[in-house]
Amino acid sequence: MLNGLVGFWEDLLIFFETGGEVLVVLFGVTFLMWTIIVERFFFLRARYPEEAATLLHGWQGRSDKASWYADQVKAQLCSQVRQELTRFLPLLKTLIALCPLLGLLGTVTGMIEVFDVMAISGSGNPRAMASGVSRATVPTMAGMVAALSGVYFSARLNRLTQKETRLFQDQLG
């Protein structure tokens, strides 16, 4: 098992070397994106039901539910729930949009490396240009894969938060 883990890390380091410095930054952005996704799903499944139940219990304990003040309290509770449910989602969308842009930056830096090799060697030596071409294509592919995986789960989180917000508003009456 230890051999497999060492081999995995060696392959990962080779992948980072092939893609260049931009790939390391893209990995960091992707790691942060997935940390937010996991945290939001954990919040929705583990912590939110308890928080919603506490807020609903406080609302149901009120004697006045029909006055203007009660309407303001209800609006405040709904706003509080919506804010808790949508926390970090704008940051998540920003990170998703950043992934393909970082891939594009990797493409540009890789192509600059190709042009540098062409300028130094004076010809189109394929062996010399191979490193730059891989640095141009690997970050692009990695950025698109990271963004696509994030888009799916971001849309799922948006649907779940909208559903939970509507459900909470319905439970308030």
C-alpha atoms as a PDB file:
ATOM      1  CA  MET A   1       0.000   0.000   0.000  1.00  0.00           C
ATOM      2  CA  LEU A   2       2.852   2.360   0.835  1.00  0.00           C
ATOM      3  CA  ASN A   3       4.367   1.676  -2.590  1.00  0.00           C
ATOM      4  CA  GLY A   4       1.098   2.676  -4.259  1.00  0.00           C
ATOM      5  CA  LEU A   5       0.929   5.895  -2.246  1.00  0.00           C
ATOM      6  CA  VAL A   6       4.525   6.801  -3.105  1.00  0.00           C
ATOM      7  CA  GLY A   7       3.803   6.073  -6.769  1.00  0.00           C
ATOM      8  CA  PHE A   8       0.721   8.267  -6.652  1.00  0.00           C
ATOM      9  CA  TRP A   9       2.696  11.216  -5.236  1.00  0.00           C
ATOM     10  CA  GLU A  10       5.450  10.731  -7.805  1.00  0.00           C
ATOM     11  CA  ASP A  11       2.869  10.730 -10.612  1.00  0.00           C
ATOM     12  CA  LEU A  12       1.242  13.834  -9.158  1.00  0.00           C
ATOM     13  CA  LEU A  13       4.582  15.665  -9.020  1.00  0.00           C
ATOM     14  CA  ILE A  14       5.300  14.690 -12.628  1.00  0.00           C
ATOM     15  CA  PHE A  15       1.853  15.994 -13.596  1.00  0.00           C
ATOM     16  CA  PHE A  16       2.554  19.319 -11.863  1.00  0.00           C
ATOM     17  CA  GLU A  17       5.956  19.533 -13.540  1.00  0.00           C
ATOM     18  CA  THR A  18       4.394  18.839 -16.937  1.00  0.00           C
ATOM     19  CA  GLY A  19       1.735  21.536 -16.465  1.00  0.00           C
ATOM     20  CA  GLY A  20       3.940  24.219 -14.981  1.00  0.00           C
ATOM     21  CA  GLU A  21       3.492  26.666 -12.119  1.00  0.00           C
ATOM     22  CA  VAL A  22      -0.026  27.616 -13.152  1.00  0.00           C
ATOM     23  CA  LEU A  23      -1.144  24.055 -12.463  1.00  0.00           C
ATOM     24  CA  VAL A  24      -0.099  24.404  -8.808  1.00  0.00           C
ATOM     25  CA  VAL A  25      -2.227  27.548  -8.459  1.00  0.00           C
ATOM     26  CA  LEU A  26      -5.102  25.784 -10.226  1.00  0.00           C
ATOM     27  CA  PHE A  27      -4.785  22.890  -7.786  1.00  0.00           C
ATOM     28  CA  GLY A  28      -5.044  25.325  -4.864  1.00  0.00           C
ATOM     29  CA  VAL A  29      -8.147  26.983  -6.326  1.00  0.00           C
ATOM     30  CA  THR A  30      -9.717  23.585  -7.015  1.00  0.00           C
ATOM     31  CA  PHE A  31      -8.933  22.396  -3.492  1.00  0.00           C
ATOM     32  CA  LEU A  32     -10.594  25.499  -2.025  1.00  0.00           C
ATOM     33  CA  MET A  33     -13.588  25.041  -4.351  1.00  0.00           C
ATOM     34  CA  TRP A  34     -14.095  21.438  -3.248  1.00  0.00           C
ATOM     35  CA  THR A  35     -13.624  22.366   0.411  1.00  0.00           C
ATOM     36  CA  ILE A  36     -16.505  24.824   0.075  1.00  0.00           C
ATOM     37  CA  ILE A  37     -18.670  22.270  -1.762  1.00  0.00           C
ATOM     38  CA  VAL A  38     -18.125  19.614   0.922  1.00  0.00           C
ATOM     39  CA  GLU A  39     -18.714  22.140   3.709  1.00  0.00           C
ATOM     40  CA  ARG A  40     -21.983  23.344   2.181  1.00  0.00           C
ATOM     41  CA  PHE A  41     -23.325  19.793   1.754  1.00  0.00           C
ATOM     42  CA  PHE A  42     -22.295  19.004   5.329  1.00  0.00           C
ATOM     43  CA  PHE A  43     -24.058  22.150   6.523  1.00  0.00           C
ATOM     44  CA  LEU A  44     -27.239  21.299   4.624  1.00  0.00           C
ATOM     45  CA  ARG A  45     -27.361  17.735   5.926  1.00  0.00           C
ATOM     46  CA  ALA A  46     -26.011  18.023   9.445  1.00  0.00           C
ATOM     47  CA  ARG A  47     -26.224  21.530  10.899  1.00  0.00           C
ATOM     48  CA  TYR A  48     -29.017  23.319   9.029  1.00  0.00           C
ATOM     49  CA  PRO A  49     -31.924  21.090  10.160  1.00  0.00           C
ATOM     50  CA  GLU A  50     -31.083  21.797  13.791  1.00  0.00           C
ATOM     51  CA  GLU A  51     -30.749  25.558  13.189  1.00  0.00           C
ATOM     52  CA  ALA A  52     -34.030  25.686  11.257  1.00  0.00           C
ATOM     53  CA  ALA A  53     -35.803  23.739  13.983  1.00  0.00           C
ATOM     54  CA  THR A  54     -34.545  26.203  16.605  1.00  0.00           C
ATOM     55  CA  LEU A  55     -35.764  29.193  14.583  1.00  0.00           C
ATOM     56  CA  LEU A  56     -39.135  27.550  13.921  1.00  0.00           C
ATOM     57  CA  HIS A  57     -39.534  26.716  17.604  1.00  0.00           C
ATOM     58  CA  GLY A  58     -38.894  30.368  18.464  1.00  0.00           C
ATOM     59  CA  TRP A  59     -41.500  31.470  15.901  1.00  0.00           C
ATOM     60  CA  GLN A  60     -44.088  28.988  17.124  1.00  0.00           C
ATOM     61  CA  GLY A  61     -43.539  30.176  20.679  1.00  0.00           C
ATOM     62  CA  ARG A  62     -44.670  33.669  19.753  1.00  0.00           C
ATOM     63  CA  SER A  63     -48.162  34.644  20.789  1.00  0.00           C
ATOM     64  CA  ASP A  64     -48.413  37.394  18.152  1.00  0.00           C
ATOM     65  CA  LYS A  65     -48.169  36.059  14.590  1.00  0.00           C
ATOM     66  CA  ALA A  66     -50.471  38.436  12.701  1.00  0.00           C
ATOM     67  CA  SER A  67     -49.254  41.973  13.426  1.00  0.00           C
ATOM     68  CA  TRP A  68     -46.888  44.137  11.432  1.00  0.00           C
ATOM     69  CA  TYR A  69     -44.138  43.352  13.945  1.00  0.00           C
ATOM     70  CA  ALA A  70     -44.732  39.637  13.497  1.00  0.00           C
ATOM     71  CA  ASP A  71     -44.401  40.065   9.731  1.00  0.00           C
ATOM     72  CA  GLN A  72     -41.076  41.833  10.265  1.00  0.00           C
ATOM     73  CA  VAL A  73     -39.854  39.040  12.537  1.00  0.00           C
ATOM     74  CA  LYS A  74     -40.908  36.481   9.937  1.00  0.00           C
ATOM     75  CA  ALA A  75     -39.058  38.395   7.193  1.00  0.00           C
ATOM     76  CA  GLN A  76     -35.979  38.592   9.413  1.00  0.00           C
ATOM     77  CA  LEU A  77     -36.076  34.825  10.080  1.00  0.00           C
ATOM     78  CA  CYS A  78     -36.428  34.079   6.368  1.00  0.00           C
ATOM     79  CA  SER A  79     -33.552  36.427   5.574  1.00  0.00           C
ATOM     80  CA  GLN A  80     -31.402  34.809   8.245  1.00  0.00           C
ATOM     81  CA  VAL A  81     -32.070  31.330   6.842  1.00  0.00           C
ATOM     82  CA  ARG A  82     -31.413  32.436   3.249  1.00  0.00           C
ATOM     83  CA  GLN A  83     -28.151  34.081   4.321  1.00  0.00           C
ATOM     84  CA  GLU A  84     -26.969  30.949   6.140  1.00  0.00           C
ATOM     85  CA  LEU A  85     -27.939  28.698   3.243  1.00  0.00           C
ATOM     86  CA  THR A  86     -26.235  30.799   0.571  1.00  0.00           C
ATOM     87  CA  ARG A  87     -23.059  31.528   2.548  1.00  0.00           C
ATOM     88  CA  PHE A  88     -19.941  30.949   0.402  1.00  0.00           C
ATOM     89  CA  LEU A  89     -21.972  30.293  -2.785  1.00  0.00           C
ATOM     90  CA  PRO A  90     -20.827  33.553  -4.469  1.00  0.00           C
ATOM     91  CA  LEU A  91     -17.222  32.644  -3.627  1.00  0.00           C
ATOM     92  CA  LEU A  92     -17.825  29.158  -5.021  1.00  0.00           C
ATOM     93  CA  LYS A  93     -19.121  30.613  -8.298  1.00  0.00           C
ATOM     94  CA  THR A  94     -16.087  32.896  -8.490  1.00  0.00           C
ATOM     95  CA  LEU A  95     -13.693  29.982  -7.994  1.00  0.00           C
ATOM     96  CA  ILE A  96     -15.504  27.984 -10.682  1.00  0.00           C
ATOM     97  CA  ALA A  97     -15.166  30.882 -13.118  1.00  0.00           C
ATOM     98  CA  LEU A  98     -11.489  31.252 -12.189  1.00  0.00           C
ATOM     99  CA  CYS A  99     -10.572  27.649 -13.102  1.00  0.00           C
ATOM    100  CA  PRO A 100     -10.843  27.987 -16.919  1.00  0.00           C
ATOM    101  CA  LEU A 101      -9.120  31.371 -16.744  1.00  0.00           C
ATOM    102  CA  LEU A 102      -6.178  29.821 -14.934  1.00  0.00           C
ATOM    103  CA  GLY A 103      -6.147  27.085 -17.573  1.00  0.00           C
ATOM    104  CA  LEU A 104      -5.977  29.789 -20.225  1.00  0.00           C
ATOM    105  CA  LEU A 105      -3.123  31.454 -18.365  1.00  0.00           C
ATOM    106  CA  GLY A 106      -1.319  28.103 -18.452  1.00  0.00           C
ATOM    107  CA  THR A 107      -1.909  27.939 -22.194  1.00  0.00           C
ATOM    108  CA  VAL A 108      -0.411  31.381 -22.692  1.00  0.00           C
ATOM    109  CA  THR A 109       2.641  30.684 -20.538  1.00  0.00           C
ATOM    110  CA  GLY A 110       3.194  27.352 -22.302  1.00  0.00           C
ATOM    111  CA  MET A 111       2.993  28.965 -25.726  1.00  0.00           C
ATOM    112  CA  ILE A 112       5.451  31.645 -24.618  1.00  0.00           C
ATOM    113  CA  GLU A 113       7.813  28.839 -23.704  1.00  0.00           C
ATOM    114  CA  VAL A 114       7.318  27.305 -27.177  1.00  0.00           C
ATOM    115  CA  PHE A 115       8.103  30.634 -28.837  1.00  0.00           C
ATOM    116  CA  ASP A 116      11.189  31.063 -26.632  1.00  0.00           C
ATOM    117  CA  VAL A 117      12.468  27.656 -27.741  1.00  0.00           C
ATOM    118  CA  MET A 118      11.806  28.558 -31.369  1.00  0.00           C
ATOM    119  CA  ALA A 119      13.655  31.860 -30.963  1.00  0.00           C
ATOM    120  CA  ILE A 120      16.653  30.223 -29.281  1.00  0.00           C
ATOM    121  CA  SER A 121      16.984  27.186 -31.545  1.00  0.00           C
ATOM    122  CA  GLY A 122      16.027  29.063 -34.685  1.00  0.00           C
ATOM    123  CA  SER A 123      13.793  26.284 -35.939  1.00  0.00           C
ATOM    124  CA  GLY A 124      10.779  24.230 -35.074  1.00  0.00           C
ATOM    125  CA  ASN A 125      12.607  21.432 -33.228  1.00  0.00           C
ATOM    126  CA  PRO A 126       9.723  19.221 -32.027  1.00  0.00           C
ATOM    127  CA  ARG A 127      11.707  17.691 -29.184  1.00  0.00           C
ATOM    128  CA  ALA A 128      12.582  21.121 -27.785  1.00  0.00           C
ATOM    129  CA  MET A 129       9.012  22.411 -28.164  1.00  0.00           C
ATOM    130  CA  ALA A 130       7.350  19.381 -26.500  1.00  0.00           C
ATOM    131  CA  SER A 131       7.751  20.751 -22.980  1.00  0.00           C
ATOM    132  CA  GLY A 132       6.079  24.042 -23.901  1.00  0.00           C
ATOM    133  CA  VAL A 133       3.250  22.308 -25.713  1.00  0.00           C
ATOM    134  CA  SER A 134       2.489  20.144 -22.685  1.00  0.00           C
ATOM    135  CA  ARG A 135       2.610  23.236 -20.470  1.00  0.00           C
ATOM    136  CA  ALA A 136       0.092  24.788 -22.851  1.00  0.00           C
ATOM    137  CA  THR A 137      -2.385  21.903 -22.967  1.00  0.00           C
ATOM    138  CA  VAL A 138      -2.317  20.303 -19.504  1.00  0.00           C
ATOM    139  CA  PRO A 139      -3.463  23.402 -17.536  1.00  0.00           C
ATOM    140  CA  THR A 140      -6.247  24.042 -20.052  1.00  0.00           C
ATOM    141  CA  MET A 141      -7.558  20.507 -19.641  1.00  0.00           C
ATOM    142  CA  ALA A 142      -7.209  20.623 -15.853  1.00  0.00           C
ATOM    143  CA  GLY A 143      -8.979  23.989 -15.611  1.00  0.00           C
ATOM    144  CA  MET A 144     -11.919  22.790 -17.689  1.00  0.00           C
ATOM    145  CA  VAL A 145     -12.278  19.549 -15.723  1.00  0.00           C
ATOM    146  CA  ALA A 146     -12.177  21.426 -12.411  1.00  0.00           C
ATOM    147  CA  ALA A 147     -14.722  23.992 -13.603  1.00  0.00           C
ATOM    148  CA  LEU A 148     -17.125  21.375 -14.982  1.00  0.00           C
ATOM    149  CA  SER A 149     -17.086  19.374 -11.767  1.00  0.00           C
ATOM    150  CA  GLY A 150     -17.709  22.549  -9.784  1.00  0.00           C
ATOM    151  CA  VAL A 151     -20.554  23.730 -12.033  1.00  0.00           C
ATOM    152  CA  TYR A 152     -22.560  20.551 -11.451  1.00  0.00           C
ATOM    153  CA  PHE A 153     -22.276  20.683  -7.669  1.00  0.00           C
ATOM    154  CA  SER A 154     -22.811  24.440  -7.539  1.00  0.00           C
ATOM    155  CA  ALA A 155     -26.083  24.070  -9.435  1.00  0.00           C
ATOM    156  CA  ARG A 156     -27.101  21.260  -7.091  1.00  0.00           C
ATOM    157  CA  LEU A 157     -26.328  23.413  -4.056  1.00  0.00           C
ATOM    158  CA  ASN A 158     -28.349  26.302  -5.533  1.00  0.00           C
ATOM    159  CA  ARG A 159     -31.360  24.039  -6.035  1.00  0.00           C
ATOM    160  CA  LEU A 160     -31.096  22.648  -2.511  1.00  0.00           C
ATOM    161  CA  THR A 161     -30.795  26.084  -0.910  1.00  0.00           C
ATOM    162  CA  GLN A 162     -33.795  27.406  -2.851  1.00  0.00           C
ATOM    163  CA  LYS A 163     -35.822  24.352  -1.855  1.00  0.00           C
ATOM    164  CA  GLU A 164     -34.869  24.670   1.817  1.00  0.00           C
ATOM    165  CA  THR A 165     -35.625  28.413   1.812  1.00  0.00           C
ATOM    166  CA  ARG A 166     -39.102  27.824   0.348  1.00  0.00           C
ATOM    167  CA  LEU A 167     -39.733  24.988   2.810  1.00  0.00           C
ATOM    168  CA  PHE A 168     -38.753  27.186   5.752  1.00  0.00           C
ATOM    169  CA  GLN A 169     -41.029  30.013   4.537  1.00  0.00           C
ATOM    170  CA  ASP A 170     -43.902  27.546   4.173  1.00  0.00           C
ATOM    171  CA  GLN A 171     -43.350  26.218   7.693  1.00  0.00           C
ATOM    172  CA  LEU A 172     -43.546  29.747   9.099  1.00  0.00           C
ATOM    173  CA  GLY A 173     -47.012  30.036   7.618  1.00  0.00           C
END
